Amino acid sequence: MKESKLAERLKKLRQDKGLSQVQLAVELDMGAGFIANIELGTKSVSIKKLMEIADYFVVTPNYLLGYDEE
């Protein structure tokens, strides 16, 4: 399965911050399995969750989804 932009960008942002999936899940008050499934591209994300992730990393939802490059 081809990795989605969201999966790719979330993984990179998480790794750039030096966080494990579990650490990120704790920071965002989400399940570690949820983060893992997003990164695998097997889980869709609600707009609310997408906004929470974008806010945490100080990026736009459009960046996470691959519509913006910055």
PDB file of N, CA and C in Angstrom:
ATOM      1  N   MET A   1       0.845  -1.183   0.000  1.00  0.00           N
ATOM      2  CA  MET A   1       0.000   0.000   0.000  1.00  0.00           C
ATOM      3  C   MET A   1       0.891   1.247   0.000  1.00  0.00           C
ATOM      4  N   LYS A   2       0.585   2.189  -0.879  1.00  0.00           N
ATOM      5  CA  LYS A   2       1.340   3.432  -0.955  1.00  0.00           C
ATOM      6  C   LYS A   2       1.021   4.293   0.266  1.00  0.00           C
ATOM      7  N   GLU A   3       2.063   4.834   0.867  1.00  0.00           N
ATOM      8  CA  GLU A   3       1.890   5.657   2.050  1.00  0.00           C
ATOM      9  C   GLU A   3       1.192   6.966   1.679  1.00  0.00           C
ATOM     10  N   SER A   4       0.194   7.340   2.434  1.00  0.00           N
ATOM     11  CA  SER A   4      -0.512   8.599   2.180  1.00  0.00           C
ATOM     12  C   SER A   4       0.354   9.769   2.629  1.00  0.00           C
ATOM     13  N   LYS A   5       0.039  10.949   2.119  1.00  0.00           N
ATOM     14  CA  LYS A   5       0.767  12.152   2.543  1.00  0.00           C
ATOM     15  C   LYS A   5       0.628  12.351   4.050  1.00  0.00           C
ATOM     16  N   LEU A   6      -0.570  12.135   4.575  1.00  0.00           N
ATOM     17  CA  LEU A   6      -0.769  12.281   6.014  1.00  0.00           C
ATOM     18  C   LEU A   6       0.139  11.322   6.772  1.00  0.00           C
ATOM     19  N   ALA A   7       0.168  10.077   6.360  1.00  0.00           N
ATOM     20  CA  ALA A   7       1.014   9.074   7.017  1.00  0.00           C
ATOM     21  C   ALA A   7       2.481   9.493   6.961  1.00  0.00           C
ATOM     22  N   GLU A   8       2.911   9.878   5.791  1.00  0.00           N
ATOM     23  CA  GLU A   8       4.309  10.271   5.567  1.00  0.00           C
ATOM     24  C   GLU A   8       4.682  11.505   6.402  1.00  0.00           C
ATOM     25  N   ARG A   9       3.840  12.509   6.358  1.00  0.00           N
ATOM     26  CA  ARG A   9       4.159  13.761   7.051  1.00  0.00           C
ATOM     27  C   ARG A   9       4.046  13.639   8.563  1.00  0.00           C
ATOM     28  N   LEU A  10       3.057  12.904   9.050  1.00  0.00           N
ATOM     29  CA  LEU A  10       2.946  12.701  10.494  1.00  0.00           C
ATOM     30  C   LEU A  10       4.175  11.968  11.021  1.00  0.00           C
ATOM     31  N   LYS A  11       4.579  10.935  10.330  1.00  0.00           N
ATOM     32  CA  LYS A  11       5.756  10.166  10.754  1.00  0.00           C
ATOM     33  C   LYS A  11       7.000  11.047  10.790  1.00  0.00           C
ATOM     34  N   LYS A  12       7.188  11.861   9.748  1.00  0.00           N
ATOM     35  CA  LYS A  12       8.366  12.727   9.692  1.00  0.00           C
ATOM     36  C   LYS A  12       8.332  13.767  10.806  1.00  0.00           C
ATOM     37  N   LEU A  13       7.196  14.419  11.007  1.00  0.00           N
ATOM     38  CA  LEU A  13       7.082  15.410  12.077  1.00  0.00           C
ATOM     39  C   LEU A  13       7.347  14.780  13.438  1.00  0.00           C
ATOM     40  N   ARG A  14       6.792  13.610  13.650  1.00  0.00           N
ATOM     41  CA  ARG A  14       6.981  12.908  14.932  1.00  0.00           C
ATOM     42  C   ARG A  14       8.458  12.564  15.141  1.00  0.00           C
ATOM     43  N   GLN A  15       9.088  12.026  14.112  1.00  0.00           N
ATOM     44  CA  GLN A  15      10.495  11.650  14.220  1.00  0.00           C
ATOM     45  C   GLN A  15      11.394  12.876  14.382  1.00  0.00           C
ATOM     46  N   ASP A  16      11.067  13.956  13.685  1.00  0.00           N
ATOM     47  CA  ASP A  16      11.855  15.194  13.809  1.00  0.00           C
ATOM     48  C   ASP A  16      11.816  15.740  15.228  1.00  0.00           C
ATOM     49  N   LYS A  17      10.723  15.486  15.937  1.00  0.00           N
ATOM     50  CA  LYS A  17      10.605  15.914  17.340  1.00  0.00           C
ATOM     51  C   LYS A  17      11.214  14.889  18.299  1.00  0.00           C
ATOM     52  N   GLY A  18      11.661  13.769  17.755  1.00  0.00           N
ATOM     53  CA  GLY A  18      12.275  12.737  18.582  1.00  0.00           C
ATOM     54  C   GLY A  18      11.283  11.975  19.440  1.00  0.00           C
ATOM     55  N   LEU A  19      10.049  11.860  18.960  1.00  0.00           N
ATOM     56  CA  LEU A  19       9.002  11.184  19.727  1.00  0.00           C
ATOM     57  C   LEU A  19       8.704   9.801  19.164  1.00  0.00           C
ATOM     58  N   SER A  20       8.416   8.879  20.053  1.00  0.00           N
ATOM     59  CA  SER A  20       7.895   7.582  19.629  1.00  0.00           C
ATOM     60  C   SER A  20       6.400   7.740  19.378  1.00  0.00           C
ATOM     61  N   GLN A  21       5.806   6.731  18.783  1.00  0.00           N
ATOM     62  CA  GLN A  21       4.354   6.777  18.577  1.00  0.00           C
ATOM     63  C   GLN A  21       3.628   6.846  19.915  1.00  0.00           C
ATOM     64  N   VAL A  22       4.128   6.138  20.894  1.00  0.00           N
ATOM     65  CA  VAL A  22       3.509   6.133  22.224  1.00  0.00           C
ATOM     66  C   VAL A  22       3.615   7.516  22.862  1.00  0.00           C
ATOM     67  N   GLN A  23       4.797   8.131  22.765  1.00  0.00           N
ATOM     68  CA  GLN A  23       4.975   9.467  23.343  1.00  0.00           C
ATOM     69  C   GLN A  23       4.044  10.478  22.684  1.00  0.00           C
ATOM     70  N   LEU A  24       3.930  10.415  21.356  1.00  0.00           N
ATOM     71  CA  LEU A  24       3.035  11.325  20.657  1.00  0.00           C
ATOM     72  C   LEU A  24       1.593  11.083  21.067  1.00  0.00           C
ATOM     73  N   ALA A  25       1.217   9.832  21.184  1.00  0.00           N
ATOM     74  CA  ALA A  25      -0.146   9.493  21.597  1.00  0.00           C
ATOM     75  C   ALA A  25      -0.462  10.088  22.966  1.00  0.00           C
ATOM     76  N   VAL A  26       0.488  10.029  23.890  1.00  0.00           N
ATOM     77  CA  VAL A  26       0.299  10.608  25.220  1.00  0.00           C
ATOM     78  C   VAL A  26       0.148  12.132  25.107  1.00  0.00           C
ATOM     79  N   GLU A  27       1.011  12.753  24.323  1.00  0.00           N
ATOM     80  CA  GLU A  27       0.962  14.213  24.137  1.00  0.00           C
ATOM     81  C   GLU A  27      -0.392  14.670  23.581  1.00  0.00           C
ATOM     82  N   LEU A  28      -0.935  13.886  22.647  1.00  0.00           N
ATOM     83  CA  LEU A  28      -2.180  14.255  21.979  1.00  0.00           C
ATOM     84  C   LEU A  28      -3.425  13.659  22.641  1.00  0.00           C
ATOM     85  N   ASP A  29      -3.227  12.860  23.693  1.00  0.00           N
ATOM     86  CA  ASP A  29      -4.320  12.170  24.367  1.00  0.00           C
ATOM     87  C   ASP A  29      -5.100  11.306  23.372  1.00  0.00           C
ATOM     88  N   MET A  30      -4.335  10.546  22.595  1.00  0.00           N
ATOM     89  CA  MET A  30      -4.889   9.605  21.624  1.00  0.00           C
ATOM     90  C   MET A  30      -4.238   8.254  21.877  1.00  0.00           C
ATOM     91  N   GLY A  31      -4.806   7.209  21.344  1.00  0.00           N
ATOM     92  CA  GLY A  31      -4.227   5.887  21.517  1.00  0.00           C
ATOM     93  C   GLY A  31      -2.993   5.691  20.642  1.00  0.00           C
ATOM     94  N   ALA A  32      -2.026   4.941  21.149  1.00  0.00           N
ATOM     95  CA  ALA A  32      -0.814   4.660  20.373  1.00  0.00           C
ATOM     96  C   ALA A  32      -1.153   3.877  19.108  1.00  0.00           C
ATOM     97  N   GLY A  33      -2.126   2.992  19.200  1.00  0.00           N
ATOM     98  CA  GLY A  33      -2.552   2.234  18.026  1.00  0.00           C
ATOM     99  C   GLY A  33      -3.153   3.142  16.966  1.00  0.00           C
ATOM    100  N   PHE A  34      -3.827   4.185  17.401  1.00  0.00           N
ATOM    101  CA  PHE A  34      -4.419   5.160  16.480  1.00  0.00           C
ATOM    102  C   PHE A  34      -3.308   5.865  15.695  1.00  0.00           C
ATOM    103  N   ILE A  35      -2.269   6.310  16.389  1.00  0.00           N
ATOM    104  CA  ILE A  35      -1.132   6.974  15.734  1.00  0.00           C
ATOM    105  C   ILE A  35      -0.455   6.008  14.772  1.00  0.00           C
ATOM    106  N   ALA A  36      -0.233   4.775  15.214  1.00  0.00           N
ATOM    107  CA  ALA A  36       0.411   3.770  14.361  1.00  0.00           C
ATOM    108  C   ALA A  36      -0.409   3.528  13.103  1.00  0.00           C
ATOM    109  N   ASN A  37      -1.716   3.427  13.248  1.00  0.00           N
ATOM    110  CA  ASN A  37      -2.576   3.174  12.090  1.00  0.00           C
ATOM    111  C   ASN A  37      -2.614   4.356  11.129  1.00  0.00           C
ATOM    112  N   ILE A  38      -2.532   5.578  11.642  1.00  0.00           N
ATOM    113  CA  ILE A  38      -2.457   6.746  10.755  1.00  0.00           C
ATOM    114  C   ILE A  38      -1.163   6.651   9.937  1.00  0.00           C
ATOM    115  N   GLU A  39      -0.068   6.352  10.623  1.00  0.00           N
ATOM    116  CA  GLU A  39       1.225   6.273   9.942  1.00  0.00           C
ATOM    117  C   GLU A  39       1.284   5.113   8.951  1.00  0.00           C
ATOM    118  N   LEU A  40       0.516   4.086   9.184  1.00  0.00           N
ATOM    119  CA  LEU A  40       0.443   2.966   8.236  1.00  0.00           C
ATOM    120  C   LEU A  40      -0.523   3.256   7.095  1.00  0.00           C
ATOM    121  N   GLY A  41      -1.311   4.297   7.253  1.00  0.00           N
ATOM    122  CA  GLY A  41      -2.284   4.646   6.226  1.00  0.00           C
ATOM    123  C   GLY A  41      -3.525   3.784   6.258  1.00  0.00           C
ATOM    124  N   THR A  42      -3.774   3.126   7.389  1.00  0.00           N
ATOM    125  CA  THR A  42      -4.928   2.239   7.498  1.00  0.00           C
ATOM    126  C   THR A  42      -6.075   2.841   8.298  1.00  0.00           C
ATOM    127  N   LYS A  43      -5.880   4.069   8.781  1.00  0.00           N
ATOM    128  CA  LYS A  43      -6.894   4.715   9.615  1.00  0.00           C
ATOM    129  C   LYS A  43      -7.194   6.099   9.070  1.00  0.00           C
ATOM    130  N   SER A  44      -8.465   6.398   8.895  1.00  0.00           N
ATOM    131  CA  SER A  44      -8.844   7.754   8.498  1.00  0.00           C
ATOM    132  C   SER A  44      -8.919   8.610   9.760  1.00  0.00           C
ATOM    133  N   VAL A  45      -8.850   9.908   9.574  1.00  0.00           N
ATOM    134  CA  VAL A  45      -8.791  10.828  10.700  1.00  0.00           C
ATOM    135  C   VAL A  45      -9.932  11.839  10.580  1.00  0.00           C
ATOM    136  N   SER A  46     -10.611  12.070  11.683  1.00  0.00           N
ATOM    137  CA  SER A  46     -11.671  13.084  11.684  1.00  0.00           C
ATOM    138  C   SER A  46     -11.035  14.466  11.557  1.00  0.00           C
ATOM    139  N   ILE A  47     -11.836  15.431  11.170  1.00  0.00           N
ATOM    140  CA  ILE A  47     -11.341  16.806  11.061  1.00  0.00           C
ATOM    141  C   ILE A  47     -10.858  17.291  12.429  1.00  0.00           C
ATOM    142  N   LYS A  48     -11.577  16.935  13.462  1.00  0.00           N
ATOM    143  CA  LYS A  48     -11.181  17.346  14.821  1.00  0.00           C
ATOM    144  C   LYS A  48      -9.794  16.819  15.172  1.00  0.00           C
ATOM    145  N   LYS A  49      -9.552  15.539  14.918  1.00  0.00           N
ATOM    146  CA  LYS A  49      -8.245  14.942  15.216  1.00  0.00           C
ATOM    147  C   LYS A  49      -7.157  15.546  14.327  1.00  0.00           C
ATOM    148  N   LEU A  50      -7.492  15.781  13.067  1.00  0.00           N
ATOM    149  CA  LEU A  50      -6.538  16.393  12.143  1.00  0.00           C
ATOM    150  C   LEU A  50      -6.120  17.774  12.649  1.00  0.00           C
ATOM    151  N   MET A  51      -7.081  18.543  13.127  1.00  0.00           N
ATOM    152  CA  MET A  51      -6.793  19.873  13.668  1.00  0.00           C
ATOM    153  C   MET A  51      -5.917  19.780  14.921  1.00  0.00           C
ATOM    154  N   GLU A  52      -6.181  18.816  15.779  1.00  0.00           N
ATOM    155  CA  GLU A  52      -5.383  18.638  16.994  1.00  0.00           C
ATOM    156  C   GLU A  52      -3.936  18.310  16.647  1.00  0.00           C
ATOM    157  N   ILE A  53      -3.751  17.435  15.670  1.00  0.00           N
ATOM    158  CA  ILE A  53      -2.396  17.062  15.240  1.00  0.00           C
ATOM    159  C   ILE A  53      -1.698  18.273  14.617  1.00  0.00           C
ATOM    160  N   ALA A  54      -2.396  18.988  13.750  1.00  0.00           N
ATOM    161  CA  ALA A  54      -1.816  20.172  13.100  1.00  0.00           C
ATOM    162  C   ALA A  54      -1.428  21.218  14.143  1.00  0.00           C
ATOM    163  N   ASP A  55      -2.301  21.469  15.101  1.00  0.00           N
ATOM    164  CA  ASP A  55      -2.009  22.444  16.155  1.00  0.00           C
ATOM    165  C   ASP A  55      -0.781  22.036  16.957  1.00  0.00           C
ATOM    166  N   TYR A  56      -0.675  20.765  17.282  1.00  0.00           N
ATOM    167  CA  TYR A  56       0.454  20.279  18.071  1.00  0.00           C
ATOM    168  C   TYR A  56       1.778  20.536  17.348  1.00  0.00           C
ATOM    169  N   PHE A  57       1.804  20.272  16.049  1.00  0.00           N
ATOM    170  CA  PHE A  57       3.043  20.427  15.278  1.00  0.00           C
ATOM    171  C   PHE A  57       3.184  21.827  14.665  1.00  0.00           C
ATOM    172  N   VAL A  58       2.216  22.696  14.905  1.00  0.00           N
ATOM    173  CA  VAL A  58       2.212  24.065  14.380  1.00  0.00           C
ATOM    174  C   VAL A  58       2.365  24.054  12.848  1.00  0.00           C
ATOM    175  N   VAL A  59       1.508  23.260  12.229  1.00  0.00           N
ATOM    176  CA  VAL A  59       1.406  23.201  10.768  1.00  0.00           C
ATOM    177  C   VAL A  59      -0.079  23.305  10.413  1.00  0.00           C
ATOM    178  N   THR A  60      -0.361  23.454   9.152  1.00  0.00           N
ATOM    179  CA  THR A  60      -1.760  23.517   8.731  1.00  0.00           C
ATOM    180  C   THR A  60      -2.281  22.113   8.429  1.00  0.00           C
ATOM    181  N   PRO A  61      -3.588  21.921   8.547  1.00  0.00           N
ATOM    182  CA  PRO A  61      -4.161  20.649   8.126  1.00  0.00           C
ATOM    183  C   PRO A  61      -3.859  20.367   6.649  1.00  0.00           C
ATOM    184  N   ASN A  62      -3.860  21.420   5.828  1.00  0.00           N
ATOM    185  CA  ASN A  62      -3.542  21.240   4.408  1.00  0.00           C
ATOM    186  C   ASN A  62      -2.136  20.699   4.206  1.00  0.00           C
ATOM    187  N   TYR A  63      -1.196  21.119   5.044  1.00  0.00           N
ATOM    188  CA  TYR A  63       0.160  20.577   4.954  1.00  0.00           C
ATOM    189  C   TYR A  63       0.125  19.086   5.278  1.00  0.00           C
ATOM    190  N   LEU A  64      -0.533  18.717   6.356  1.00  0.00           N
ATOM    191  CA  LEU A  64      -0.607  17.303   6.737  1.00  0.00           C
ATOM    192  C   LEU A  64      -1.226  16.444   5.633  1.00  0.00           C
ATOM    193  N   LEU A  65      -2.196  16.994   4.932  1.00  0.00           N
ATOM    194  CA  LEU A  65      -2.883  16.240   3.888  1.00  0.00           C
ATOM    195  C   LEU A  65      -2.162  16.277   2.539  1.00  0.00           C
ATOM    196  N   GLY A  66      -1.088  17.071   2.450  1.00  0.00           N
ATOM    197  CA  GLY A  66      -0.301  17.109   1.232  1.00  0.00           C
ATOM    198  C   GLY A  66      -0.699  18.169   0.243  1.00  0.00           C
ATOM    199  N   TYR A  67      -1.567  19.100   0.650  1.00  0.00           N
ATOM    200  CA  TYR A  67      -1.991  20.160  -0.261  1.00  0.00           C
ATOM    201  C   TYR A  67      -1.028  21.346  -0.264  1.00  0.00           C
ATOM    202  N   ASP A  68      -0.325  21.549   0.832  1.00  0.00           N
ATOM    203  CA  ASP A  68       0.666  22.621   0.953  1.00  0.00           C
ATOM    204  C   ASP A  68       2.031  21.991   1.189  1.00  0.00           C
ATOM    205  N   GLU A  69       3.065  22.672   0.734  1.00  0.00           N
ATOM    206  CA  GLU A  69       4.416  22.172   0.948  1.00  0.00           C
ATOM    207  C   GLU A  69       5.053  22.702   2.219  1.00  0.00           C
ATOM    208  N   GLU A  70       4.505  23.771   2.792  1.00  0.00           N
ATOM    209  CA  GLU A  70       5.068  24.328   4.029  1.00  0.00           C
ATOM    210  C   GLU A  70       3.990  24.537   5.050  1.00  0.00           C
TER     211      GLU A  70
END
